[in-house]
Amino acid sequence: MLIILGYLVVLGSVFGSYVAMGGQLGALYQPFEFVLIGGAALGAYIAANSGKSAKLLLAALPSVMRNSPYSKDLYMELMALLYVLLNKARRDGLMSIESDIEDPVSSPIFSEYPRVLADPKLMEFITDYLRIMISGNMSSFEIETLMDQEIETAQHESNVPAHAMHTVADALPAFGIVAAVLGVIKALASVDQPPAILADLISKAMVGTFLGILLAYGFVSPLAAALEKRTTSSVKVLECIKVTLLASMNGYPPPLAVEFGRKVLYASVRPSFAELEEHVRQARAPGAKKA
């Protein structure tokens, strides 16, 4: 929701200041300038990207209008879930969690953590690598390499919409100049008209430059930054899972393994050592209420 608030601040500051200085909003109403700039930007986007990129953008846009799902509460649930799974595997053997991994929806363990269960990407990452761990045919170094490659691929794919929007933002000022040049050409073609008419034509031409710069730096570039930030958050949660599972594979007990995972989180969503310890203690006790 912050992006909407930011857009409102941009509009209020720009147009409010313009009116306060005595400007007339009607002079800025040039719909064909907007069509020219927006259409050229859209055409350039279509020419430079694939259908898959467009689908990724359409899927990512609604997410920037909502709060990030990767909150402190989700991380607390995630680390409690990983603790319970690793503790059961350490106590009863890795095969004891096979049924939970194969059918997470019916698992009494996973059902206690609905935020994690509701995220398909997290569930796929957790269950896939626990299956590999159960197979016992790969070392921790091999699994770490595989995890790094998957995380890198996920980050690259998730960043496609952000990179495309950055490219569009960089191009918009130039398209604004194109609109302005065409407006000046139109004005020069009417050089036989009275000065008042020529001034009106030139002022309309300059609206193109204004629109191109405003759309680029006031709207599209912040949107690209928001998409990039969401991608960073979605990758960080995978890194948390990776570090926790690898710590367990390297022989660390579950309480210490989840502490490894806690350490890689950003400060804004990282629970304190005491918070995590208390949460894990509740997860230890059979029937204890999960936070």
C-alpha atoms as a PDB file:
ATOM      1  CA  MET A   1       0.000   0.000   0.000  1.00  0.00           C
ATOM      2  CA  LEU A   2       2.971   2.346   0.449  1.00  0.00           C
ATOM      3  CA  ILE A   3       3.390   2.602  -3.319  1.00  0.00           C
ATOM      4  CA  ILE A   4      -0.132   4.037  -3.636  1.00  0.00           C
ATOM      5  CA  LEU A   5       0.614   6.541  -0.881  1.00  0.00           C
ATOM      6  CA  GLY A   6       3.817   7.484  -2.670  1.00  0.00           C
ATOM      7  CA  TYR A   7       1.964   8.029  -5.948  1.00  0.00           C
ATOM      8  CA  LEU A   8      -0.533  10.290  -4.189  1.00  0.00           C
ATOM      9  CA  VAL A   9       2.298  12.326  -2.665  1.00  0.00           C
ATOM     10  CA  VAL A  10       3.923  12.701  -6.095  1.00  0.00           C
ATOM     11  CA  LEU A  11       0.683  13.856  -7.714  1.00  0.00           C
ATOM     12  CA  GLY A  12      -0.185  16.196  -4.863  1.00  0.00           C
ATOM     13  CA  SER A  13       3.273  17.753  -4.730  1.00  0.00           C
ATOM     14  CA  VAL A  14       3.667  18.256  -8.481  1.00  0.00           C
ATOM     15  CA  PHE A  15       0.214  19.431  -9.439  1.00  0.00           C
ATOM     16  CA  GLY A  16      -0.454  21.199  -6.128  1.00  0.00           C
ATOM     17  CA  SER A  17       2.715  23.253  -6.512  1.00  0.00           C
ATOM     18  CA  TYR A  18       1.885  23.988 -10.132  1.00  0.00           C
ATOM     19  CA  VAL A  19      -1.560  25.342  -9.200  1.00  0.00           C
ATOM     20  CA  ALA A  20      -0.130  27.281  -6.240  1.00  0.00           C
ATOM     21  CA  MET A  21       2.266  29.028  -8.630  1.00  0.00           C
ATOM     22  CA  GLY A  22      -0.706  30.163 -10.709  1.00  0.00           C
ATOM     23  CA  GLY A  23      -0.649  27.459 -13.361  1.00  0.00           C
ATOM     24  CA  GLN A  24      -3.780  26.198 -15.073  1.00  0.00           C
ATOM     25  CA  LEU A  25      -4.363  22.437 -14.944  1.00  0.00           C
ATOM     26  CA  GLY A  26      -6.199  22.603 -18.260  1.00  0.00           C
ATOM     27  CA  ALA A  27      -2.940  23.461 -20.001  1.00  0.00           C
ATOM     28  CA  LEU A  28      -1.534  20.085 -18.913  1.00  0.00           C
ATOM     29  CA  TYR A  29      -4.467  18.123 -20.287  1.00  0.00           C
ATOM     30  CA  GLN A  30      -2.977  16.757 -23.497  1.00  0.00           C
ATOM     31  CA  PRO A  31      -4.374  13.223 -23.916  1.00  0.00           C
ATOM     32  CA  PHE A  32      -2.641  12.567 -27.224  1.00  0.00           C
ATOM     33  CA  GLU A  33       0.744  13.371 -25.661  1.00  0.00           C
ATOM     34  CA  PHE A  34      -0.003  10.707 -23.078  1.00  0.00           C
ATOM     35  CA  VAL A  35      -1.080   8.251 -25.779  1.00  0.00           C
ATOM     36  CA  LEU A  36       2.092   8.938 -27.748  1.00  0.00           C
ATOM     37  CA  ILE A  37       4.421   8.443 -24.785  1.00  0.00           C
ATOM     38  CA  GLY A  38       2.541   5.555 -23.219  1.00  0.00           C
ATOM     39  CA  GLY A  39       2.020   3.799 -26.532  1.00  0.00           C
ATOM     40  CA  ALA A  40       5.678   4.132 -27.510  1.00  0.00           C
ATOM     41  CA  ALA A  41       6.762   2.792 -24.113  1.00  0.00           C
ATOM     42  CA  LEU A  42       4.323  -0.126 -24.384  1.00  0.00           C
ATOM     43  CA  GLY A  43       5.512  -0.916 -27.895  1.00  0.00           C
ATOM     44  CA  ALA A  44       9.138  -0.855 -26.794  1.00  0.00           C
ATOM     45  CA  TYR A  45       8.290  -3.170 -23.887  1.00  0.00           C
ATOM     46  CA  ILE A  46       6.547  -5.634 -26.221  1.00  0.00           C
ATOM     47  CA  ALA A  47       9.464  -5.547 -28.664  1.00  0.00           C
ATOM     48  CA  ALA A  48      12.071  -6.135 -25.947  1.00  0.00           C
ATOM     49  CA  ASN A  49      10.295  -8.829 -23.923  1.00  0.00           C
ATOM     50  CA  SER A  50       8.697 -12.213 -24.380  1.00  0.00           C
ATOM     51  CA  GLY A  51       5.205 -13.402 -23.580  1.00  0.00           C
ATOM     52  CA  LYS A  52       6.574 -15.115 -20.480  1.00  0.00           C
ATOM     53  CA  SER A  53       8.013 -11.819 -19.258  1.00  0.00           C
ATOM     54  CA  ALA A  54       4.626 -10.125 -19.706  1.00  0.00           C
ATOM     55  CA  LYS A  55       2.915 -12.929 -17.755  1.00  0.00           C
ATOM     56  CA  LEU A  56       5.460 -12.592 -14.940  1.00  0.00           C
ATOM     57  CA  LEU A  57       4.843  -8.840 -14.826  1.00  0.00           C
ATOM     58  CA  LEU A  58       1.062  -9.234 -14.699  1.00  0.00           C
ATOM     59  CA  ALA A  59       1.427 -11.804 -11.918  1.00  0.00           C
ATOM     60  CA  ALA A  60       3.842  -9.600  -9.938  1.00  0.00           C
ATOM     61  CA  LEU A  61       1.974  -6.283 -10.155  1.00  0.00           C
ATOM     62  CA  PRO A  62      -0.807  -7.131  -7.655  1.00  0.00           C
ATOM     63  CA  SER A  63       1.807  -8.167  -5.075  1.00  0.00           C
ATOM     64  CA  VAL A  64       3.309  -4.673  -4.813  1.00  0.00           C
ATOM     65  CA  MET A  65      -0.085  -3.316  -3.772  1.00  0.00           C
ATOM     66  CA  ARG A  66      -0.137  -5.609  -0.733  1.00  0.00           C
ATOM     67  CA  ASN A  67       2.050  -5.894   2.314  1.00  0.00           C
ATOM     68  CA  SER A  68       4.881  -8.372   2.010  1.00  0.00           C
ATOM     69  CA  PRO A  69       3.886 -11.874   3.165  1.00  0.00           C
ATOM     70  CA  TYR A  70       7.433 -12.403   4.438  1.00  0.00           C
ATOM     71  CA  SER A  71       6.811 -10.892   7.843  1.00  0.00           C
ATOM     72  CA  LYS A  72       8.250 -11.696  11.250  1.00  0.00           C
ATOM     73  CA  ASP A  73       5.233 -13.904  11.993  1.00  0.00           C
ATOM     74  CA  LEU A  74       5.860 -15.989   8.884  1.00  0.00           C
ATOM     75  CA  TYR A  75       9.518 -16.445   9.786  1.00  0.00           C
ATOM     76  CA  MET A  76       8.593 -17.492  13.310  1.00  0.00           C
ATOM     77  CA  GLU A  77       6.231 -20.106  11.870  1.00  0.00           C
ATOM     78  CA  LEU A  78       8.815 -21.226   9.341  1.00  0.00           C
ATOM     79  CA  MET A  79      11.563 -21.728  11.896  1.00  0.00           C
ATOM     80  CA  ALA A  80       9.207 -23.513  14.278  1.00  0.00           C
ATOM     81  CA  LEU A  81       8.160 -25.839  11.444  1.00  0.00           C
ATOM     82  CA  LEU A  82      11.763 -26.562  10.489  1.00  0.00           C
ATOM     83  CA  TYR A  83      12.615 -27.210  14.127  1.00  0.00           C
ATOM     84  CA  VAL A  84       9.753 -29.717  14.543  1.00  0.00           C
ATOM     85  CA  LEU A  85      10.645 -31.545  11.303  1.00  0.00           C
ATOM     86  CA  LEU A  86      14.366 -31.692  12.069  1.00  0.00           C
ATOM     87  CA  ASN A  87      13.783 -32.692  15.667  1.00  0.00           C
ATOM     88  CA  LYS A  88      11.519 -35.556  14.606  1.00  0.00           C
ATOM     89  CA  ALA A  89      14.046 -36.644  11.978  1.00  0.00           C
ATOM     90  CA  ARG A  90      16.895 -36.505  14.519  1.00  0.00           C
ATOM     91  CA  ARG A  91      14.922 -38.450  17.133  1.00  0.00           C
ATOM     92  CA  ASP A  92      13.209 -41.070  14.943  1.00  0.00           C
ATOM     93  CA  GLY A  93      15.257 -41.005  11.756  1.00  0.00           C
ATOM     94  CA  LEU A  94      14.790 -39.177   8.475  1.00  0.00           C
ATOM     95  CA  MET A  95      12.312 -41.760   7.205  1.00  0.00           C
ATOM     96  CA  SER A  96       9.904 -40.745   9.993  1.00  0.00           C
ATOM     97  CA  ILE A  97       9.083 -37.476   8.191  1.00  0.00           C
ATOM     98  CA  GLU A  98       8.634 -39.032   4.739  1.00  0.00           C
ATOM     99  CA  SER A  99       4.840 -39.232   5.042  1.00  0.00           C
ATOM    100  CA  ASP A 100       4.690 -35.570   6.134  1.00  0.00           C
ATOM    101  CA  ILE A 101       6.727 -34.505   3.116  1.00  0.00           C
ATOM    102  CA  GLU A 102       4.809 -36.583   0.598  1.00  0.00           C
ATOM    103  CA  ASP A 103       1.401 -35.270   1.718  1.00  0.00           C
ATOM    104  CA  PRO A 104       1.917 -31.944   3.554  1.00  0.00           C
ATOM    105  CA  VAL A 105      -1.765 -31.006   3.410  1.00  0.00           C
ATOM    106  CA  SER A 106      -2.696 -34.047   5.477  1.00  0.00           C
ATOM    107  CA  SER A 107       0.349 -33.801   7.729  1.00  0.00           C
ATOM    108  CA  PRO A 108      -0.413 -32.921  11.377  1.00  0.00           C
ATOM    109  CA  ILE A 109       2.928 -31.095  11.488  1.00  0.00           C
ATOM    110  CA  PHE A 110       2.436 -28.861   8.457  1.00  0.00           C
ATOM    111  CA  SER A 111      -1.193 -28.155   9.340  1.00  0.00           C
ATOM    112  CA  GLU A 112       0.010 -26.343  12.468  1.00  0.00           C
ATOM    113  CA  TYR A 113       1.746 -23.729  10.292  1.00  0.00           C
ATOM    114  CA  PRO A 114      -0.859 -22.388   7.816  1.00  0.00           C
ATOM    115  CA  ARG A 115       1.193 -19.402   6.621  1.00  0.00           C
ATOM    116  CA  VAL A 116       3.963 -21.660   5.386  1.00  0.00           C
ATOM    117  CA  LEU A 117       1.541 -24.259   4.028  1.00  0.00           C
ATOM    118  CA  ALA A 118      -0.231 -21.557   1.993  1.00  0.00           C
ATOM    119  CA  ASP A 119       2.968 -20.577   0.123  1.00  0.00           C
ATOM    120  CA  PRO A 120       3.566 -23.075  -2.744  1.00  0.00           C
ATOM    121  CA  LYS A 121       7.149 -21.930  -3.398  1.00  0.00           C
ATOM    122  CA  LEU A 122       8.196 -22.369   0.218  1.00  0.00           C
ATOM    123  CA  MET A 123       6.519 -25.745   0.442  1.00  0.00           C
ATOM    124  CA  GLU A 124       8.156 -26.951  -2.750  1.00  0.00           C
ATOM    125  CA  PHE A 125      11.603 -25.799  -1.604  1.00  0.00           C
ATOM    126  CA  ILE A 126      11.274 -27.404   1.844  1.00  0.00           C
ATOM    127  CA  THR A 127       9.817 -30.716   0.710  1.00  0.00           C
ATOM    128  CA  ASP A 128      12.129 -31.133  -2.289  1.00  0.00           C
ATOM    129  CA  TYR A 129      15.295 -30.772  -0.245  1.00  0.00           C
ATOM    130  CA  LEU A 130      14.030 -32.876   2.624  1.00  0.00           C
ATOM    131  CA  ARG A 131      13.357 -35.620   0.057  1.00  0.00           C
ATOM    132  CA  ILE A 132      16.940 -35.281  -1.171  1.00  0.00           C
ATOM    133  CA  MET A 133      18.203 -35.453   2.401  1.00  0.00           C
ATOM    134  CA  ILE A 134      16.155 -38.593   3.014  1.00  0.00           C
ATOM    135  CA  SER A 135      17.628 -40.243  -0.081  1.00  0.00           C
ATOM    136  CA  GLY A 136      21.066 -39.979   1.545  1.00  0.00           C
ATOM    137  CA  ASN A 137      22.888 -40.000  -1.776  1.00  0.00           C
ATOM    138  CA  MET A 138      24.194 -36.423  -1.737  1.00  0.00           C
ATOM    139  CA  SER A 139      26.622 -34.656   0.569  1.00  0.00           C
ATOM    140  CA  SER A 140      25.868 -31.328   2.224  1.00  0.00           C
ATOM    141  CA  PHE A 141      28.278 -29.627  -0.207  1.00  0.00           C
ATOM    142  CA  GLU A 142      26.446 -31.028  -3.226  1.00  0.00           C
ATOM    143  CA  ILE A 143      23.054 -30.024  -1.809  1.00  0.00           C
ATOM    144  CA  GLU A 144      24.349 -26.537  -1.007  1.00  0.00           C
ATOM    145  CA  THR A 145      25.503 -26.114  -4.601  1.00  0.00           C
ATOM    146  CA  LEU A 146      22.128 -27.284  -5.879  1.00  0.00           C
ATOM    147  CA  MET A 147      20.311 -24.915  -3.506  1.00  0.00           C
ATOM    148  CA  ASP A 148      22.466 -21.981  -4.605  1.00  0.00           C
ATOM    149  CA  GLN A 149      21.719 -22.696  -8.250  1.00  0.00           C
ATOM    150  CA  GLU A 150      17.976 -22.945  -7.610  1.00  0.00           C
ATOM    151  CA  ILE A 151      17.931 -19.748  -5.550  1.00  0.00           C
ATOM    152  CA  GLU A 152      19.927 -17.925  -8.234  1.00  0.00           C
ATOM    153  CA  THR A 153      17.484 -19.109 -10.903  1.00  0.00           C
ATOM    154  CA  ALA A 154      14.486 -18.082  -8.802  1.00  0.00           C
ATOM    155  CA  GLN A 155      16.009 -14.656  -8.206  1.00  0.00           C
ATOM    156  CA  HIS A 156      16.748 -14.150 -11.897  1.00  0.00           C
ATOM    157  CA  GLU A 157      13.231 -15.161 -12.929  1.00  0.00           C
ATOM    158  CA  SER A 158      11.589 -13.035 -10.225  1.00  0.00           C
ATOM    159  CA  ASN A 159      13.656 -10.014 -11.262  1.00  0.00           C
ATOM    160  CA  VAL A 160      12.485 -10.128 -14.899  1.00  0.00           C
ATOM    161  CA  PRO A 161       9.504  -7.774 -14.280  1.00  0.00           C
ATOM    162  CA  ALA A 162      11.652  -5.330 -12.268  1.00  0.00           C
ATOM    163  CA  HIS A 163      14.356  -5.183 -14.933  1.00  0.00           C
ATOM    164  CA  ALA A 164      11.743  -4.653 -17.642  1.00  0.00           C
ATOM    165  CA  MET A 165      10.185  -1.778 -15.684  1.00  0.00           C
ATOM    166  CA  HIS A 166      13.606  -0.188 -15.121  1.00  0.00           C
ATOM    167  CA  THR A 167      14.171  -0.292 -18.887  1.00  0.00           C
ATOM    168  CA  VAL A 168      10.795   1.339 -19.546  1.00  0.00           C
ATOM    169  CA  ALA A 169      11.518   4.021 -16.921  1.00  0.00           C
ATOM    170  CA  ASP A 170      14.850   4.807 -18.605  1.00  0.00           C
ATOM    171  CA  ALA A 171      13.119   5.155 -21.981  1.00  0.00           C
ATOM    172  CA  LEU A 172      10.172   7.341 -20.917  1.00  0.00           C
ATOM    173  CA  PRO A 173      12.075  10.677 -20.754  1.00  0.00           C
ATOM    174  CA  ALA A 174      13.324  10.046 -24.300  1.00  0.00           C
ATOM    175  CA  PHE A 175       9.800   9.342 -25.502  1.00  0.00           C
ATOM    176  CA  GLY A 176       8.761  12.574 -23.784  1.00  0.00           C
ATOM    177  CA  ILE A 177      11.369  14.398 -25.845  1.00  0.00           C
ATOM    178  CA  VAL A 178      10.009  12.718 -28.994  1.00  0.00           C
ATOM    179  CA  ALA A 179       6.543  14.038 -28.133  1.00  0.00           C
ATOM    180  CA  ALA A 180       7.972  17.500 -27.477  1.00  0.00           C
ATOM    181  CA  VAL A 181       9.902  17.535 -30.776  1.00  0.00           C
ATOM    182  CA  LEU A 182       6.789  16.556 -32.700  1.00  0.00           C
ATOM    183  CA  GLY A 183       4.907  19.352 -30.948  1.00  0.00           C
ATOM    184  CA  VAL A 184       7.608  21.868 -31.868  1.00  0.00           C
ATOM    185  CA  ILE A 185       7.501  20.672 -35.481  1.00  0.00           C
ATOM    186  CA  LYS A 186       3.767  21.261 -35.461  1.00  0.00           C
ATOM    187  CA  ALA A 187       4.304  24.748 -34.005  1.00  0.00           C
ATOM    188  CA  LEU A 188       6.942  25.647 -36.591  1.00  0.00           C
ATOM    189  CA  ALA A 189       4.610  24.512 -39.351  1.00  0.00           C
ATOM    190  CA  SER A 190       2.177  27.157 -38.090  1.00  0.00           C
ATOM    191  CA  VAL A 191       4.707  30.000 -38.043  1.00  0.00           C
ATOM    192  CA  ASP A 192       2.272  32.185 -39.977  1.00  0.00           C
ATOM    193  CA  GLN A 193      -0.148  32.153 -37.022  1.00  0.00           C
ATOM    194  CA  PRO A 194      -0.376  34.956 -34.433  1.00  0.00           C
ATOM    195  CA  PRO A 195       2.131  34.823 -31.520  1.00  0.00           C
ATOM    196  CA  ALA A 196      -0.576  33.784 -29.035  1.00  0.00           C
ATOM    197  CA  ILE A 197      -1.391  30.673 -31.061  1.00  0.00           C
ATOM    198  CA  LEU A 198       2.305  29.807 -31.516  1.00  0.00           C
ATOM    199  CA  ALA A 199       2.891  30.170 -27.771  1.00  0.00           C
ATOM    200  CA  ASP A 200      -0.021  27.848 -27.073  1.00  0.00           C
ATOM    201  CA  LEU A 201       1.335  25.235 -29.487  1.00  0.00           C
ATOM    202  CA  ILE A 202       4.829  25.385 -27.976  1.00  0.00           C
ATOM    203  CA  SER A 203       3.472  25.108 -24.426  1.00  0.00           C
ATOM    204  CA  LYS A 204       1.522  22.002 -25.459  1.00  0.00           C
ATOM    205  CA  ALA A 205       4.697  20.548 -26.980  1.00  0.00           C
ATOM    206  CA  MET A 206       6.568  20.983 -23.680  1.00  0.00           C
ATOM    207  CA  VAL A 207       3.929  18.936 -21.875  1.00  0.00           C
ATOM    208  CA  GLY A 208       5.407  15.872 -23.589  1.00  0.00           C
ATOM    209  CA  THR A 209       8.777  16.337 -21.881  1.00  0.00           C
ATOM    210  CA  PHE A 210       7.017  16.932 -18.565  1.00  0.00           C
ATOM    211  CA  LEU A 211       4.915  13.775 -18.866  1.00  0.00           C
ATOM    212  CA  GLY A 212       7.852  11.601 -19.882  1.00  0.00           C
ATOM    213  CA  ILE A 213       9.966  12.658 -16.911  1.00  0.00           C
ATOM    214  CA  LEU A 214       7.063  12.501 -14.437  1.00  0.00           C
ATOM    215  CA  LEU A 215       5.986   9.016 -15.527  1.00  0.00           C
ATOM    216  CA  ALA A 216       9.572   7.741 -15.476  1.00  0.00           C
ATOM    217  CA  TYR A 217      10.760   8.990 -12.100  1.00  0.00           C
ATOM    218  CA  GLY A 218       7.456   9.434 -10.301  1.00  0.00           C
ATOM    219  CA  PHE A 219       5.689   6.208 -11.225  1.00  0.00           C
ATOM    220  CA  VAL A 220       7.482   3.529 -13.273  1.00  0.00           C
ATOM    221  CA  SER A 221      10.888   3.676 -11.576  1.00  0.00           C
ATOM    222  CA  PRO A 222       9.389   3.393  -8.043  1.00  0.00           C
ATOM    223  CA  LEU A 223       7.255   0.494  -9.290  1.00  0.00           C
ATOM    224  CA  ALA A 224      10.376  -1.270 -10.553  1.00  0.00           C
ATOM    225  CA  ALA A 225      12.104  -0.683  -7.203  1.00  0.00           C
ATOM    226  CA  ALA A 226       9.100  -2.111  -5.338  1.00  0.00           C
ATOM    227  CA  LEU A 227       9.116  -5.222  -7.545  1.00  0.00           C
ATOM    228  CA  GLU A 228      12.829  -5.645  -6.930  1.00  0.00           C
ATOM    229  CA  LYS A 229      12.370  -5.311  -3.174  1.00  0.00           C
ATOM    230  CA  ARG A 230       9.639  -7.974  -3.201  1.00  0.00           C
ATOM    231  CA  THR A 231      11.984 -10.298  -5.101  1.00  0.00           C
ATOM    232  CA  THR A 232      14.712  -9.763  -2.516  1.00  0.00           C
ATOM    233  CA  SER A 233      12.305 -10.731   0.273  1.00  0.00           C
ATOM    234  CA  SER A 234      11.176 -13.876  -1.563  1.00  0.00           C
ATOM    235  CA  VAL A 235      14.801 -14.950  -2.027  1.00  0.00           C
ATOM    236  CA  LYS A 236      15.802 -14.247   1.565  1.00  0.00           C
ATOM    237  CA  VAL A 237      13.254 -16.725   2.911  1.00  0.00           C
ATOM    238  CA  LEU A 238      14.777 -19.447   0.700  1.00  0.00           C
ATOM    239  CA  GLU A 239      18.214 -18.594   2.064  1.00  0.00           C
ATOM    240  CA  CYS A 240      16.856 -18.978   5.594  1.00  0.00           C
ATOM    241  CA  ILE A 241      15.606 -22.481   4.765  1.00  0.00           C
ATOM    242  CA  LYS A 242      18.877 -23.355   3.040  1.00  0.00           C
ATOM    243  CA  VAL A 243      21.065 -22.344   5.976  1.00  0.00           C
ATOM    244  CA  THR A 244      18.851 -24.182   8.473  1.00  0.00           C
ATOM    245  CA  LEU A 245      18.776 -27.458   6.530  1.00  0.00           C
ATOM    246  CA  LEU A 246      22.499 -27.375   5.818  1.00  0.00           C
ATOM    247  CA  ALA A 247      23.284 -26.740   9.483  1.00  0.00           C
ATOM    248  CA  SER A 248      21.229 -29.803  10.357  1.00  0.00           C
ATOM    249  CA  MET A 249      23.015 -31.889   7.722  1.00  0.00           C
ATOM    250  CA  ASN A 250      26.348 -30.814   9.168  1.00  0.00           C
ATOM    251  CA  GLY A 251      25.412 -32.235  12.539  1.00  0.00           C
ATOM    252  CA  TYR A 252      24.069 -29.254  14.476  1.00  0.00           C
ATOM    253  CA  PRO A 253      21.056 -29.942  16.724  1.00  0.00           C
ATOM    254  CA  PRO A 254      17.678 -28.464  15.626  1.00  0.00           C
ATOM    255  CA  PRO A 255      17.703 -25.528  18.116  1.00  0.00           C
ATOM    256  CA  LEU A 256      21.088 -24.416  16.802  1.00  0.00           C
ATOM    257  CA  ALA A 257      20.153 -25.101  13.187  1.00  0.00           C
ATOM    258  CA  VAL A 258      17.188 -22.701  13.350  1.00  0.00           C
ATOM    259  CA  GLU A 259      19.473 -20.155  15.023  1.00  0.00           C
ATOM    260  CA  PHE A 260      21.653 -20.342  11.913  1.00  0.00           C
ATOM    261  CA  GLY A 261      18.547 -19.571   9.859  1.00  0.00           C
ATOM    262  CA  ARG A 262      17.620 -16.656  12.112  1.00  0.00           C
ATOM    263  CA  LYS A 263      21.006 -15.032  11.580  1.00  0.00           C
ATOM    264  CA  VAL A 264      20.540 -14.558   7.820  1.00  0.00           C
ATOM    265  CA  LEU A 265      17.296 -12.590   8.161  1.00  0.00           C
ATOM    266  CA  TYR A 266      16.992  -8.835   7.806  1.00  0.00           C
ATOM    267  CA  ALA A 267      16.835  -6.941  11.092  1.00  0.00           C
ATOM    268  CA  SER A 268      13.306  -5.693  10.362  1.00  0.00           C
ATOM    269  CA  VAL A 269      11.859  -9.230  10.410  1.00  0.00           C
ATOM    270  CA  ARG A 270      14.438 -11.101  12.490  1.00  0.00           C
ATOM    271  CA  PRO A 271      13.126 -12.346  15.847  1.00  0.00           C
ATOM    272  CA  SER A 272      15.438 -11.954  18.805  1.00  0.00           C
ATOM    273  CA  PHE A 273      17.299 -14.936  20.226  1.00  0.00           C
ATOM    274  CA  ALA A 274      14.947 -15.010  23.224  1.00  0.00           C
ATOM    275  CA  GLU A 275      11.828 -14.800  21.019  1.00  0.00           C
ATOM    276  CA  LEU A 276      12.973 -17.657  18.840  1.00  0.00           C
ATOM    277  CA  GLU A 277      14.029 -19.758  21.815  1.00  0.00           C
ATOM    278  CA  GLU A 278      10.620 -19.305  23.455  1.00  0.00           C
ATOM    279  CA  HIS A 279       8.845 -20.103  20.209  1.00  0.00           C
ATOM    280  CA  VAL A 280      10.898 -23.249  19.733  1.00  0.00           C
ATOM    281  CA  ARG A 281      10.303 -24.256  23.349  1.00  0.00           C
ATOM    282  CA  GLN A 282       6.556 -24.097  22.708  1.00  0.00           C
ATOM    283  CA  ALA A 283       7.032 -26.186  19.589  1.00  0.00           C
ATOM    284  CA  ARG A 284       8.880 -28.799  21.627  1.00  0.00           C
ATOM    285  CA  ALA A 285       6.038 -29.398  24.027  1.00  0.00           C
ATOM    286  CA  PRO A 286       3.394 -31.813  22.637  1.00  0.00           C
ATOM    287  CA  GLY A 287       0.084 -30.007  22.251  1.00  0.00           C
ATOM    288  CA  ALA A 288       1.595 -26.642  23.053  1.00  0.00           C
ATOM    289  CA  LYS A 289      -0.008 -23.706  21.318  1.00  0.00           C
ATOM    290  CA  LYS A 290       1.967 -22.392  18.366  1.00  0.00           C
ATOM    291  CA  ALA A 291       2.450 -18.614  18.030  1.00  0.00           C
END
